[in-house]
Amino acid sequence: MPGSFITDRQHEDYMKFRSHHRQSIAAAKTGFSPGTGSRIDLDPRPPSQKKRERGYGGGKPDPLAGLWEEEIVPLLDAEPKLRPITVLEEMQRRHPDQDLTSARRTLERRIRAWC
């Protein structure tokens, strides 16, 4: 099924079938695509031993680190109707040394979740 992660059991079965069948047949018998079989052939470790890549962000540093709890939440507590762009402009005014241009969507998501 597209978008599903394979299990260690599927990996084990694939490796067993792969010793006697070609890649496409072993993958079909195990229940995933030949492309997944190709990835397993390149890196034969079971899924439980692999570190999964993070979806969005990929380890990108938090653009609001040090600002959210200390400054933004108190602003929202005092005035819950503040719009994210207004909060962003205020943070840019207070911290001209920080580049907060990439923080807009993060701020919008956090404020929506905070409400």
PDB file of N, CA and C in Angstrom:
ATOM      1  N   MET A   1       0.842  -1.175   0.000  1.00  0.00           N
ATOM      2  CA  MET A   1       0.000   0.000   0.000  1.00  0.00           C
ATOM      3  C   MET A   1       0.893   1.246   0.000  1.00  0.00           C
ATOM      4  N   PRO A   2       0.661   2.214  -0.879  1.00  0.00           N
ATOM      5  CA  PRO A   2       1.501   3.407  -0.938  1.00  0.00           C
ATOM      6  C   PRO A   2       1.483   4.177   0.379  1.00  0.00           C
ATOM      7  N   GLY A   3       2.626   4.631   0.773  1.00  0.00           N
ATOM      8  CA  GLY A   3       2.728   5.441   1.979  1.00  0.00           C
ATOM      9  C   GLY A   3       2.850   4.654   3.264  1.00  0.00           C
ATOM     10  N   SER A   4       2.788   3.331   3.200  1.00  0.00           N
ATOM     11  CA  SER A   4       2.916   2.507   4.401  1.00  0.00           C
ATOM     12  C   SER A   4       4.369   2.096   4.590  1.00  0.00           C
ATOM     13  N   PHE A   5       4.781   2.016   5.830  1.00  0.00           N
ATOM     14  CA  PHE A   5       6.122   1.551   6.122  1.00  0.00           C
ATOM     15  C   PHE A   5       6.110   0.027   6.154  1.00  0.00           C
ATOM     16  N   ILE A   6       7.211  -0.578   5.726  1.00  0.00           N
ATOM     17  CA  ILE A   6       7.274  -2.037   5.786  1.00  0.00           C
ATOM     18  C   ILE A   6       7.678  -2.451   7.197  1.00  0.00           C
ATOM     19  N   THR A   7       7.307  -3.656   7.552  1.00  0.00           N
ATOM     20  CA  THR A   7       7.623  -4.170   8.878  1.00  0.00           C
ATOM     21  C   THR A   7       8.906  -5.003   8.828  1.00  0.00           C
ATOM     22  N   ASP A   8       9.435  -5.286   9.996  1.00  0.00           N
ATOM     23  CA  ASP A   8      10.614  -6.144  10.064  1.00  0.00           C
ATOM     24  C   ASP A   8      10.289  -7.532   9.510  1.00  0.00           C
ATOM     25  N   ARG A   9       9.064  -7.989   9.740  1.00  0.00           N
ATOM     26  CA  ARG A   9       8.658  -9.309   9.236  1.00  0.00           C
ATOM     27  C   ARG A   9       8.653  -9.321   7.703  1.00  0.00           C
ATOM     28  N   GLN A  10       8.119  -8.252   7.076  1.00  0.00           N
ATOM     29  CA  GLN A  10       8.136  -8.165   5.619  1.00  0.00           C
ATOM     30  C   GLN A  10       9.570  -8.146   5.107  1.00  0.00           C
ATOM     31  N   HIS A  11      10.415  -7.410   5.792  1.00  0.00           N
ATOM     32  CA  HIS A  11      11.831  -7.327   5.415  1.00  0.00           C
ATOM     33  C   HIS A  11      12.470  -8.709   5.471  1.00  0.00           C
ATOM     34  N   GLU A  12      12.196  -9.420   6.552  1.00  0.00           N
ATOM     35  CA  GLU A  12      12.748 -10.770   6.729  1.00  0.00           C
ATOM     36  C   GLU A  12      12.249 -11.714   5.627  1.00  0.00           C
ATOM     37  N   ASP A  13      10.960 -11.652   5.332  1.00  0.00           N
ATOM     38  CA  ASP A  13      10.401 -12.488   4.266  1.00  0.00           C
ATOM     39  C   ASP A  13      11.015 -12.147   2.917  1.00  0.00           C
ATOM     40  N   TYR A  14      11.173 -10.836   2.648  1.00  0.00           N
ATOM     41  CA  TYR A  14      11.764 -10.409   1.377  1.00  0.00           C
ATOM     42  C   TYR A  14      13.176 -10.983   1.236  1.00  0.00           C
ATOM     43  N   MET A  15      13.960 -10.882   2.291  1.00  0.00           N
ATOM     44  CA  MET A  15      15.338 -11.378   2.232  1.00  0.00           C
ATOM     45  C   MET A  15      15.358 -12.895   1.981  1.00  0.00           C
ATOM     46  N   LYS A  16      14.418 -13.615   2.568  1.00  0.00           N
ATOM     47  CA  LYS A  16      14.328 -15.065   2.357  1.00  0.00           C
ATOM     48  C   LYS A  16      13.952 -15.355   0.893  1.00  0.00           C
ATOM     49  N   PHE A  17      12.919 -14.664   0.382  1.00  0.00           N
ATOM     50  CA  PHE A  17      12.499 -14.867  -1.009  1.00  0.00           C
ATOM     51  C   PHE A  17      13.576 -14.414  -1.988  1.00  0.00           C
ATOM     52  N   ARG A  18      14.300 -13.382  -1.622  1.00  0.00           N
ATOM     53  CA  ARG A  18      15.307 -12.799  -2.519  1.00  0.00           C
ATOM     54  C   ARG A  18      16.440 -13.772  -2.784  1.00  0.00           C
ATOM     55  N   SER A  19      16.694 -14.667  -1.836  1.00  0.00           N
ATOM     56  CA  SER A  19      17.790 -15.627  -2.043  1.00  0.00           C
ATOM     57  C   SER A  19      17.454 -16.643  -3.141  1.00  0.00           C
ATOM     58  N   HIS A  20      16.150 -16.787  -3.478  1.00  0.00           N
ATOM     59  CA  HIS A  20      15.750 -17.756  -4.490  1.00  0.00           C
ATOM     60  C   HIS A  20      15.052 -17.146  -5.704  1.00  0.00           C
ATOM     61  N   HIS A  21      14.636 -15.894  -5.602  1.00  0.00           N
ATOM     62  CA  HIS A  21      13.878 -15.254  -6.680  1.00  0.00           C
ATOM     63  C   HIS A  21      14.489 -13.898  -7.034  1.00  0.00           C
ATOM     64  N   ARG A  22      14.113 -13.418  -8.210  1.00  0.00           N
ATOM     65  CA  ARG A  22      14.597 -12.089  -8.574  1.00  0.00           C
ATOM     66  C   ARG A  22      13.803 -11.035  -7.786  1.00  0.00           C
ATOM     67  N   GLN A  23      14.304  -9.819  -7.827  1.00  0.00           N
ATOM     68  CA  GLN A  23      13.792  -8.732  -6.993  1.00  0.00           C
ATOM     69  C   GLN A  23      12.282  -8.507  -7.134  1.00  0.00           C
ATOM     70  N   SER A  24      11.781  -8.415  -8.355  1.00  0.00           N
ATOM     71  CA  SER A  24      10.359  -8.113  -8.546  1.00  0.00           C
ATOM     72  C   SER A  24       9.461  -9.218  -7.992  1.00  0.00           C
ATOM     73  N   ILE A  25       9.861 -10.466  -8.127  1.00  0.00           N
ATOM     74  CA  ILE A  25       9.052 -11.575  -7.618  1.00  0.00           C
ATOM     75  C   ILE A  25       9.104 -11.604  -6.089  1.00  0.00           C
ATOM     76  N   ALA A  26      10.286 -11.432  -5.524  1.00  0.00           N
ATOM     77  CA  ALA A  26      10.415 -11.432  -4.065  1.00  0.00           C
ATOM     78  C   ALA A  26       9.594 -10.297  -3.456  1.00  0.00           C
ATOM     79  N   ALA A  27       9.623  -9.125  -4.093  1.00  0.00           N
ATOM     80  CA  ALA A  27       8.852  -7.984  -3.588  1.00  0.00           C
ATOM     81  C   ALA A  27       7.357  -8.264  -3.693  1.00  0.00           C
ATOM     82  N   ALA A  28       6.907  -8.823  -4.807  1.00  0.00           N
ATOM     83  CA  ALA A  28       5.487  -9.135  -4.985  1.00  0.00           C
ATOM     84  C   ALA A  28       5.013 -10.153  -3.954  1.00  0.00           C
ATOM     85  N   LYS A  29       5.815 -11.162  -3.691  1.00  0.00           N
ATOM     86  CA  LYS A  29       5.434 -12.175  -2.714  1.00  0.00           C
ATOM     87  C   LYS A  29       5.357 -11.584  -1.302  1.00  0.00           C
ATOM     88  N   THR A  30       6.143 -10.554  -1.067  1.00  0.00           N
ATOM     89  CA  THR A  30       6.176  -9.934   0.255  1.00  0.00           C
ATOM     90  C   THR A  30       5.111  -8.852   0.399  1.00  0.00           C
ATOM     91  N   GLY A  31       4.616  -8.331  -0.708  1.00  0.00           N
ATOM     92  CA  GLY A  31       3.522  -7.364  -0.638  1.00  0.00           C
ATOM     93  C   GLY A  31       3.928  -5.918  -0.776  1.00  0.00           C
ATOM     94  N   PHE A  32       5.063  -5.668  -1.413  1.00  0.00           N
ATOM     95  CA  PHE A  32       5.431  -4.275  -1.696  1.00  0.00           C
ATOM     96  C   PHE A  32       6.034  -4.167  -3.082  1.00  0.00           C
ATOM     97  N   SER A  33       6.380  -2.962  -3.475  1.00  0.00           N
ATOM     98  CA  SER A  33       6.823  -2.703  -4.842  1.00  0.00           C
ATOM     99  C   SER A  33       8.281  -3.119  -5.062  1.00  0.00           C
ATOM    100  N   PRO A  34       8.645  -3.319  -6.327  1.00  0.00           N
ATOM    101  CA  PRO A  34      10.047  -3.609  -6.637  1.00  0.00           C
ATOM    102  C   PRO A  34      10.981  -2.467  -6.231  1.00  0.00           C
ATOM    103  N   GLY A  35      10.459  -1.249  -6.236  1.00  0.00           N
ATOM    104  CA  GLY A  35      11.281  -0.109  -5.802  1.00  0.00           C
ATOM    105  C   GLY A  35      11.676  -0.232  -4.344  1.00  0.00           C
ATOM    106  N   THR A  36      10.743  -0.687  -3.521  1.00  0.00           N
ATOM    107  CA  THR A  36      11.061  -0.925  -2.107  1.00  0.00           C
ATOM    108  C   THR A  36      12.091  -2.040  -1.994  1.00  0.00           C
ATOM    109  N   GLY A  37      11.938  -3.070  -2.822  1.00  0.00           N
ATOM    110  CA  GLY A  37      12.926  -4.149  -2.835  1.00  0.00           C
ATOM    111  C   GLY A  37      14.301  -3.635  -3.209  1.00  0.00           C
ATOM    112  N   SER A  38      14.337  -2.716  -4.154  1.00  0.00           N
ATOM    113  CA  SER A  38      15.607  -2.119  -4.567  1.00  0.00           C
ATOM    114  C   SER A  38      16.255  -1.359  -3.409  1.00  0.00           C
ATOM    115  N   ARG A  39      15.435  -0.605  -2.662  1.00  0.00           N
ATOM    116  CA  ARG A  39      15.971   0.130  -1.508  1.00  0.00           C
ATOM    117  C   ARG A  39      16.495  -0.829  -0.442  1.00  0.00           C
ATOM    118  N   ILE A  40      15.796  -1.944  -0.255  1.00  0.00           N
ATOM    119  CA  ILE A  40      16.265  -2.938   0.716  1.00  0.00           C
ATOM    120  C   ILE A  40      17.582  -3.553   0.254  1.00  0.00           C
ATOM    121  N   ASP A  41      17.708  -3.816  -1.056  1.00  0.00           N
ATOM    122  CA  ASP A  41      18.957  -4.379  -1.574  1.00  0.00           C
ATOM    123  C   ASP A  41      20.129  -3.420  -1.365  1.00  0.00           C
ATOM    124  N   LEU A  42      19.857  -2.114  -1.436  1.00  0.00           N
ATOM    125  CA  LEU A  42      20.923  -1.137  -1.231  1.00  0.00           C
ATOM    126  C   LEU A  42      21.309  -0.990   0.240  1.00  0.00           C
ATOM    127  N   ASP A  43      20.330  -1.107   1.119  1.00  0.00           N
ATOM    128  CA  ASP A  43      20.578  -0.990   2.560  1.00  0.00           C
ATOM    129  C   ASP A  43      19.836  -2.125   3.258  1.00  0.00           C
ATOM    130  N   PRO A  44      20.489  -3.257   3.490  1.00  0.00           N
ATOM    131  CA  PRO A  44      19.807  -4.451   3.972  1.00  0.00           C
ATOM    132  C   PRO A  44      19.439  -4.461   5.464  1.00  0.00           C
ATOM    133  N   ARG A  45      19.609  -3.357   6.167  1.00  0.00           N
ATOM    134  CA  ARG A  45      19.215  -3.337   7.580  1.00  0.00           C
ATOM    135  C   ARG A  45      17.689  -3.383   7.694  1.00  0.00           C
ATOM    136  N   PRO A  46      17.157  -4.066   8.718  1.00  0.00           N
ATOM    137  CA  PRO A  46      15.702  -4.074   8.915  1.00  0.00           C
ATOM    138  C   PRO A  46      15.196  -2.673   9.289  1.00  0.00           C
ATOM    139  N   PRO A  47      13.927  -2.390   9.025  1.00  0.00           N
ATOM    140  CA  PRO A  47      13.385  -1.055   9.287  1.00  0.00           C
ATOM    141  C   PRO A  47      13.553  -0.587  10.730  1.00  0.00           C
ATOM    142  N   SER A  48      13.499  -1.505  11.688  1.00  0.00           N
ATOM    143  CA  SER A  48      13.625  -1.106  13.094  1.00  0.00           C
ATOM    144  C   SER A  48      15.018  -0.563  13.413  1.00  0.00           C
ATOM    145  N   GLN A  49      16.000  -0.843  12.562  1.00  0.00           N
ATOM    146  CA  GLN A  49      17.361  -0.366  12.809  1.00  0.00           C
ATOM    147  C   GLN A  49      17.704   0.886  12.013  1.00  0.00           C
ATOM    148  N   LYS A  50      16.751   1.376  11.233  1.00  0.00           N
ATOM    149  CA  LYS A  50      16.991   2.573  10.425  1.00  0.00           C
ATOM    150  C   LYS A  50      16.338   3.764  11.083  1.00  0.00           C
ATOM    151  N   LYS A  51      16.992   4.897  10.995  1.00  0.00           N
ATOM    152  CA  LYS A  51      16.409   6.130  11.511  1.00  0.00           C
ATOM    153  C   LYS A  51      15.530   6.718  10.415  1.00  0.00           C
ATOM    154  N   ARG A  52      14.277   6.976  10.749  1.00  0.00           N
ATOM    155  CA  ARG A  52      13.364   7.562   9.766  1.00  0.00           C
ATOM    156  C   ARG A  52      13.645   9.043   9.618  1.00  0.00           C
ATOM    157  N   GLU A  53      13.536   9.495   8.379  1.00  0.00           N
ATOM    158  CA  GLU A  53      13.684  10.917   8.102  1.00  0.00           C
ATOM    159  C   GLU A  53      12.443  11.636   8.597  1.00  0.00           C
ATOM    160  N   ARG A  54      12.641  12.805   9.124  1.00  0.00           N
ATOM    161  CA  ARG A  54      11.501  13.593   9.566  1.00  0.00           C
ATOM    162  C   ARG A  54      10.789  14.166   8.357  1.00  0.00           C
ATOM    163  N   GLY A  55       9.492  14.235   8.489  1.00  0.00           N
ATOM    164  CA  GLY A  55       8.673  14.737   7.394  1.00  0.00           C
ATOM    165  C   GLY A  55       9.012  16.159   7.006  1.00  0.00           C
ATOM    166  N   TYR A  56       8.405  17.117   7.637  1.00  0.00           N
ATOM    167  CA  TYR A  56       8.668  18.499   7.274  1.00  0.00           C
ATOM    168  C   TYR A  56       9.764  19.035   8.171  1.00  0.00           C
ATOM    169  N   GLY A  57      10.496  19.994   7.684  1.00  0.00           N
ATOM    170  CA  GLY A  57      11.524  20.626   8.491  1.00  0.00           C
ATOM    171  C   GLY A  57      12.863  19.945   8.393  1.00  0.00           C
ATOM    172  N   GLY A  58      12.887  18.649   8.531  1.00  0.00           N
ATOM    173  CA  GLY A  58      14.110  17.890   8.400  1.00  0.00           C
ATOM    174  C   GLY A  58      15.231  18.355   9.299  1.00  0.00           C
ATOM    175  N   GLY A  59      14.917  18.716  10.512  1.00  0.00           N
ATOM    176  CA  GLY A  59      15.948  19.153  11.427  1.00  0.00           C
ATOM    177  C   GLY A  59      16.248  20.634  11.346  1.00  0.00           C
ATOM    178  N   LYS A  60      15.434  21.360  10.628  1.00  0.00           N
ATOM    179  CA  LYS A  60      15.607  22.799  10.523  1.00  0.00           C
ATOM    180  C   LYS A  60      15.439  23.416  11.909  1.00  0.00           C
ATOM    181  N   PRO A  61      16.301  24.347  12.291  1.00  0.00           N
ATOM    182  CA  PRO A  61      16.180  24.924  13.632  1.00  0.00           C
ATOM    183  C   PRO A  61      14.874  25.707  13.790  1.00  0.00           C
ATOM    184  N   ASP A  62      14.357  25.717  15.003  1.00  0.00           N
ATOM    185  CA  ASP A  62      13.108  26.401  15.311  1.00  0.00           C
ATOM    186  C   ASP A  62      13.315  27.914  15.179  1.00  0.00           C
ATOM    187  N   PRO A  63      12.594  28.571  14.244  1.00  0.00           N
ATOM    188  CA  PRO A  63      12.786  30.002  14.063  1.00  0.00           C
ATOM    189  C   PRO A  63      12.259  30.828  15.236  1.00  0.00           C
ATOM    190  N   LEU A  64      11.430  30.208  16.080  1.00  0.00           N
ATOM    191  CA  LEU A  64      10.863  30.936  17.219  1.00  0.00           C
ATOM    192  C   LEU A  64      11.489  30.517  18.547  1.00  0.00           C
ATOM    193  N   ALA A  65      12.631  29.838  18.478  1.00  0.00           N
ATOM    194  CA  ALA A  65      13.304  29.388  19.699  1.00  0.00           C
ATOM    195  C   ALA A  65      13.615  30.588  20.583  1.00  0.00           C
ATOM    196  N   GLY A  66      13.227  30.494  21.832  1.00  0.00           N
ATOM    197  CA  GLY A  66      13.498  31.566  22.781  1.00  0.00           C
ATOM    198  C   GLY A  66      12.475  32.686  22.752  1.00  0.00           C
ATOM    199  N   LEU A  67      11.589  32.686  21.788  1.00  0.00           N
ATOM    200  CA  LEU A  67      10.589  33.751  21.697  1.00  0.00           C
ATOM    201  C   LEU A  67       9.191  33.269  22.066  1.00  0.00           C
ATOM    202  N   TRP A  68       8.859  32.037  21.729  1.00  0.00           N
ATOM    203  CA  TRP A  68       7.492  31.557  21.891  1.00  0.00           C
ATOM    204  C   TRP A  68       7.029  31.646  23.344  1.00  0.00           C
ATOM    205  N   GLU A  69       7.686  30.931  24.239  1.00  0.00           N
ATOM    206  CA  GLU A  69       7.257  30.910  25.650  1.00  0.00           C
ATOM    207  C   GLU A  69       7.521  32.236  26.359  1.00  0.00           C
ATOM    208  N   GLU A  70       8.650  32.864  26.059  1.00  0.00           N
ATOM    209  CA  GLU A  70       9.058  34.051  26.800  1.00  0.00           C
ATOM    210  C   GLU A  70       8.313  35.320  26.385  1.00  0.00           C
ATOM    211  N   GLU A  71       8.007  35.474  25.097  1.00  0.00           N
ATOM    212  CA  GLU A  71       7.427  36.733  24.643  1.00  0.00           C
ATOM    213  C   GLU A  71       6.082  36.594  23.929  1.00  0.00           C
ATOM    214  N   ILE A  72       5.945  35.578  23.092  1.00  0.00           N
ATOM    215  CA  ILE A  72       4.734  35.488  22.265  1.00  0.00           C
ATOM    216  C   ILE A  72       3.534  35.025  23.082  1.00  0.00           C
ATOM    217  N   VAL A  73       3.697  33.993  23.907  1.00  0.00           N
ATOM    218  CA  VAL A  73       2.576  33.512  24.717  1.00  0.00           C
ATOM    219  C   VAL A  73       2.068  34.601  25.661  1.00  0.00           C
ATOM    220  N   PRO A  74       2.955  35.362  26.357  1.00  0.00           N
ATOM    221  CA  PRO A  74       2.428  36.457  27.181  1.00  0.00           C
ATOM    222  C   PRO A  74       1.658  37.510  26.367  1.00  0.00           C
ATOM    223  N   LEU A  75       2.112  37.782  25.145  1.00  0.00           N
ATOM    224  CA  LEU A  75       1.368  38.719  24.280  1.00  0.00           C
ATOM    225  C   LEU A  75      -0.020  38.176  23.977  1.00  0.00           C
ATOM    226  N   LEU A  76      -0.099  36.899  23.655  1.00  0.00           N
ATOM    227  CA  LEU A  76      -1.382  36.278  23.323  1.00  0.00           C
ATOM    228  C   LEU A  76      -2.282  36.155  24.548  1.00  0.00           C
ATOM    229  N   ASP A  77      -1.687  35.936  25.728  1.00  0.00           N
ATOM    230  CA  ASP A  77      -2.477  35.898  26.958  1.00  0.00           C
ATOM    231  C   ASP A  77      -3.125  37.251  27.219  1.00  0.00           C
ATOM    232  N   ALA A  78      -2.361  38.313  26.966  1.00  0.00           N
ATOM    233  CA  ALA A  78      -2.874  39.668  27.196  1.00  0.00           C
ATOM    234  C   ALA A  78      -3.901  40.062  26.145  1.00  0.00           C
ATOM    235  N   GLU A  79      -3.675  39.653  24.898  1.00  0.00           N
ATOM    236  CA  GLU A  79      -4.575  40.016  23.798  1.00  0.00           C
ATOM    237  C   GLU A  79      -4.748  38.825  22.862  1.00  0.00           C
ATOM    238  N   PRO A  80      -5.700  37.926  23.170  1.00  0.00           N
ATOM    239  CA  PRO A  80      -5.854  36.693  22.392  1.00  0.00           C
ATOM    240  C   PRO A  80      -6.267  36.899  20.933  1.00  0.00           C
ATOM    241  N   LYS A  81      -6.787  38.046  20.582  1.00  0.00           N
ATOM    242  CA  LYS A  81      -7.265  38.293  19.215  1.00  0.00           C
ATOM    243  C   LYS A  81      -6.163  38.775  18.273  1.00  0.00           C
ATOM    244  N   LEU A  82      -4.919  38.858  18.766  1.00  0.00           N
ATOM    245  CA  LEU A  82      -3.826  39.306  17.900  1.00  0.00           C
ATOM    246  C   LEU A  82      -3.665  38.365  16.713  1.00  0.00           C
ATOM    247  N   ARG A  83      -3.436  38.944  15.558  1.00  0.00           N
ATOM    248  CA  ARG A  83      -3.225  38.145  14.352  1.00  0.00           C
ATOM    249  C   ARG A  83      -1.751  37.761  14.267  1.00  0.00           C
ATOM    250  N   PRO A  84      -1.452  36.624  13.661  1.00  0.00           N
ATOM    251  CA  PRO A  84      -0.056  36.170  13.565  1.00  0.00           C
ATOM    252  C   PRO A  84       0.868  37.188  12.904  1.00  0.00           C
ATOM    253  N   ILE A  85       0.390  37.867  11.871  1.00  0.00           N
ATOM    254  CA  ILE A  85       1.260  38.838  11.188  1.00  0.00           C
ATOM    255  C   ILE A  85       1.596  40.006  12.110  1.00  0.00           C
ATOM    256  N   THR A  86       0.648  40.385  12.971  1.00  0.00           N
ATOM    257  CA  THR A  86       0.895  41.466  13.930  1.00  0.00           C
ATOM    258  C   THR A  86       1.937  41.031  14.950  1.00  0.00           C
ATOM    259  N   VAL A  87       1.816  39.791  15.415  1.00  0.00           N
ATOM    260  CA  VAL A  87       2.793  39.262  16.371  1.00  0.00           C
ATOM    261  C   VAL A  87       4.171  39.186  15.714  1.00  0.00           C
ATOM    262  N   LEU A  88       4.219  38.724  14.461  1.00  0.00           N
ATOM    263  CA  LEU A  88       5.490  38.635  13.744  1.00  0.00           C
ATOM    264  C   LEU A  88       6.132  40.017  13.591  1.00  0.00           C
ATOM    265  N   GLU A  89       5.334  41.005  13.210  1.00  0.00           N
ATOM    266  CA  GLU A  89       5.866  42.372  13.061  1.00  0.00           C
ATOM    267  C   GLU A  89       6.403  42.893  14.382  1.00  0.00           C
ATOM    268  N   GLU A  90       5.712  42.595  15.488  1.00  0.00           N
ATOM    269  CA  GLU A  90       6.171  43.025  16.810  1.00  0.00           C
ATOM    270  C   GLU A  90       7.496  42.345  17.176  1.00  0.00           C
ATOM    271  N   MET A  91       7.616  41.060  16.869  1.00  0.00           N
ATOM    272  CA  MET A  91       8.868  40.341  17.160  1.00  0.00           C
ATOM    273  C   MET A  91      10.016  40.883  16.301  1.00  0.00           C
ATOM    274  N   GLN A  92       9.713  41.232  15.052  1.00  0.00           N
ATOM    275  CA  GLN A  92      10.750  41.814  14.188  1.00  0.00           C
ATOM    276  C   GLN A  92      11.173  43.187  14.701  1.00  0.00           C
ATOM    277  N   ARG A  93      10.216  43.926  15.254  1.00  0.00           N
ATOM    278  CA  ARG A  93      10.543  45.248  15.815  1.00  0.00           C
ATOM    279  C   ARG A  93      11.391  45.093  17.078  1.00  0.00           C
ATOM    280  N   ARG A  94      11.035  44.135  17.923  1.00  0.00           N
ATOM    281  CA  ARG A  94      11.774  43.924  19.171  1.00  0.00           C
ATOM    282  C   ARG A  94      13.146  43.291  18.951  1.00  0.00           C
ATOM    283  N   HIS A  95      13.274  42.487  17.907  1.00  0.00           N
ATOM    284  CA  HIS A  95      14.517  41.744  17.656  1.00  0.00           C
ATOM    285  C   HIS A  95      14.987  41.966  16.219  1.00  0.00           C
ATOM    286  N   PRO A  96      15.471  43.158  15.904  1.00  0.00           N
ATOM    287  CA  PRO A  96      15.900  43.430  14.523  1.00  0.00           C
ATOM    288  C   PRO A  96      17.124  42.603  14.104  1.00  0.00           C
ATOM    289  N   ASP A  97      17.858  42.063  15.073  1.00  0.00           N
ATOM    290  CA  ASP A  97      19.045  41.277  14.762  1.00  0.00           C
ATOM    291  C   ASP A  97      18.701  39.857  14.289  1.00  0.00           C
ATOM    292  N   GLN A  98      17.474  39.392  14.553  1.00  0.00           N
ATOM    293  CA  GLN A  98      17.069  38.044  14.159  1.00  0.00           C
ATOM    294  C   GLN A  98      16.288  38.087  12.848  1.00  0.00           C
ATOM    295  N   ASP A  99      16.582  37.136  11.973  1.00  0.00           N
ATOM    296  CA  ASP A  99      15.844  37.036  10.712  1.00  0.00           C
ATOM    297  C   ASP A  99      14.627  36.145  10.952  1.00  0.00           C
ATOM    298  N   LEU A 100      13.470  36.761  11.082  1.00  0.00           N
ATOM    299  CA  LEU A 100      12.237  36.031  11.371  1.00  0.00           C
ATOM    300  C   LEU A 100      11.321  35.913  10.161  1.00  0.00           C
ATOM    301  N   THR A 101      11.842  36.215   8.976  1.00  0.00           N
ATOM    302  CA  THR A 101      11.002  36.180   7.780  1.00  0.00           C
ATOM    303  C   THR A 101      10.486  34.769   7.490  1.00  0.00           C
ATOM    304  N   SER A 102      11.249  33.751   7.846  1.00  0.00           N
ATOM    305  CA  SER A 102      10.817  32.374   7.582  1.00  0.00           C
ATOM    306  C   SER A 102       9.913  31.829   8.682  1.00  0.00           C
ATOM    307  N   ALA A 103       9.604  32.630   9.682  1.00  0.00           N
ATOM    308  CA  ALA A 103       8.844  32.154  10.836  1.00  0.00           C
ATOM    309  C   ALA A 103       7.339  32.366  10.697  1.00  0.00           C
ATOM    310  N   ARG A 104       6.877  32.973   9.628  1.00  0.00           N
ATOM    311  CA  ARG A 104       5.467  33.331   9.537  1.00  0.00           C
ATOM    312  C   ARG A 104       4.547  32.104   9.614  1.00  0.00           C
ATOM    313  N   ARG A 105       4.785  31.091   8.764  1.00  0.00           N
ATOM    314  CA  ARG A 105       3.910  29.922   8.757  1.00  0.00           C
ATOM    315  C   ARG A 105       3.996  29.160  10.079  1.00  0.00           C
ATOM    316  N   THR A 106       5.190  29.075  10.652  1.00  0.00           N
ATOM    317  CA  THR A 106       5.349  28.417  11.950  1.00  0.00           C
ATOM    318  C   THR A 106       4.532  29.149  13.001  1.00  0.00           C
ATOM    319  N   LEU A 107       4.604  30.459  12.984  1.00  0.00           N
ATOM    320  CA  LEU A 107       3.855  31.274  13.938  1.00  0.00           C
ATOM    321  C   LEU A 107       2.347  31.099  13.731  1.00  0.00           C
ATOM    322  N   GLU A 108       1.903  31.083  12.488  1.00  0.00           N
ATOM    323  CA  GLU A 108       0.477  30.893  12.214  1.00  0.00           C
ATOM    324  C   GLU A 108      -0.005  29.542  12.746  1.00  0.00           C
ATOM    325  N   ARG A 109       0.774  28.484  12.537  1.00  0.00           N
ATOM    326  CA  ARG A 109       0.387  27.159  13.014  1.00  0.00           C
ATOM    327  C   ARG A 109       0.336  27.111  14.536  1.00  0.00           C
ATOM    328  N   ARG A 110       1.345  27.680  15.175  1.00  0.00           N
ATOM    329  CA  ARG A 110       1.400  27.631  16.640  1.00  0.00           C
ATOM    330  C   ARG A 110       0.273  28.447  17.269  1.00  0.00           C
ATOM    331  N   ILE A 111      -0.020  29.593  16.696  1.00  0.00           N
ATOM    332  CA  ILE A 111      -1.103  30.410  17.243  1.00  0.00           C
ATOM    333  C   ILE A 111      -2.440  29.698  17.052  1.00  0.00           C
ATOM    334  N   ARG A 112      -2.631  29.064  15.901  1.00  0.00           N
ATOM    335  CA  ARG A 112      -3.866  28.314  15.680  1.00  0.00           C
ATOM    336  C   ARG A 112      -4.001  27.182  16.688  1.00  0.00           C
ATOM    337  N   ALA A 113      -2.912  26.489  16.962  1.00  0.00           N
ATOM    338  CA  ALA A 113      -2.932  25.384  17.934  1.00  0.00           C
ATOM    339  C   ALA A 113      -3.073  25.910  19.355  1.00  0.00           C
ATOM    340  N   TRP A 114      -2.552  27.088  19.629  1.00  0.00           N
ATOM    341  CA  TRP A 114      -2.593  27.673  20.964  1.00  0.00           C
ATOM    342  C   TRP A 114      -4.017  28.075  21.349  1.00  0.00           C
ATOM    343  N   CYS A 115      -4.792  28.522  20.373  1.00  0.00           N
ATOM    344  CA  CYS A 115      -6.159  29.004  20.659  1.00  0.00           C
ATOM    345  C   CYS A 115      -7.041  27.973  21.178  1.00  0.00           C
TER     346      CYS A 115
END
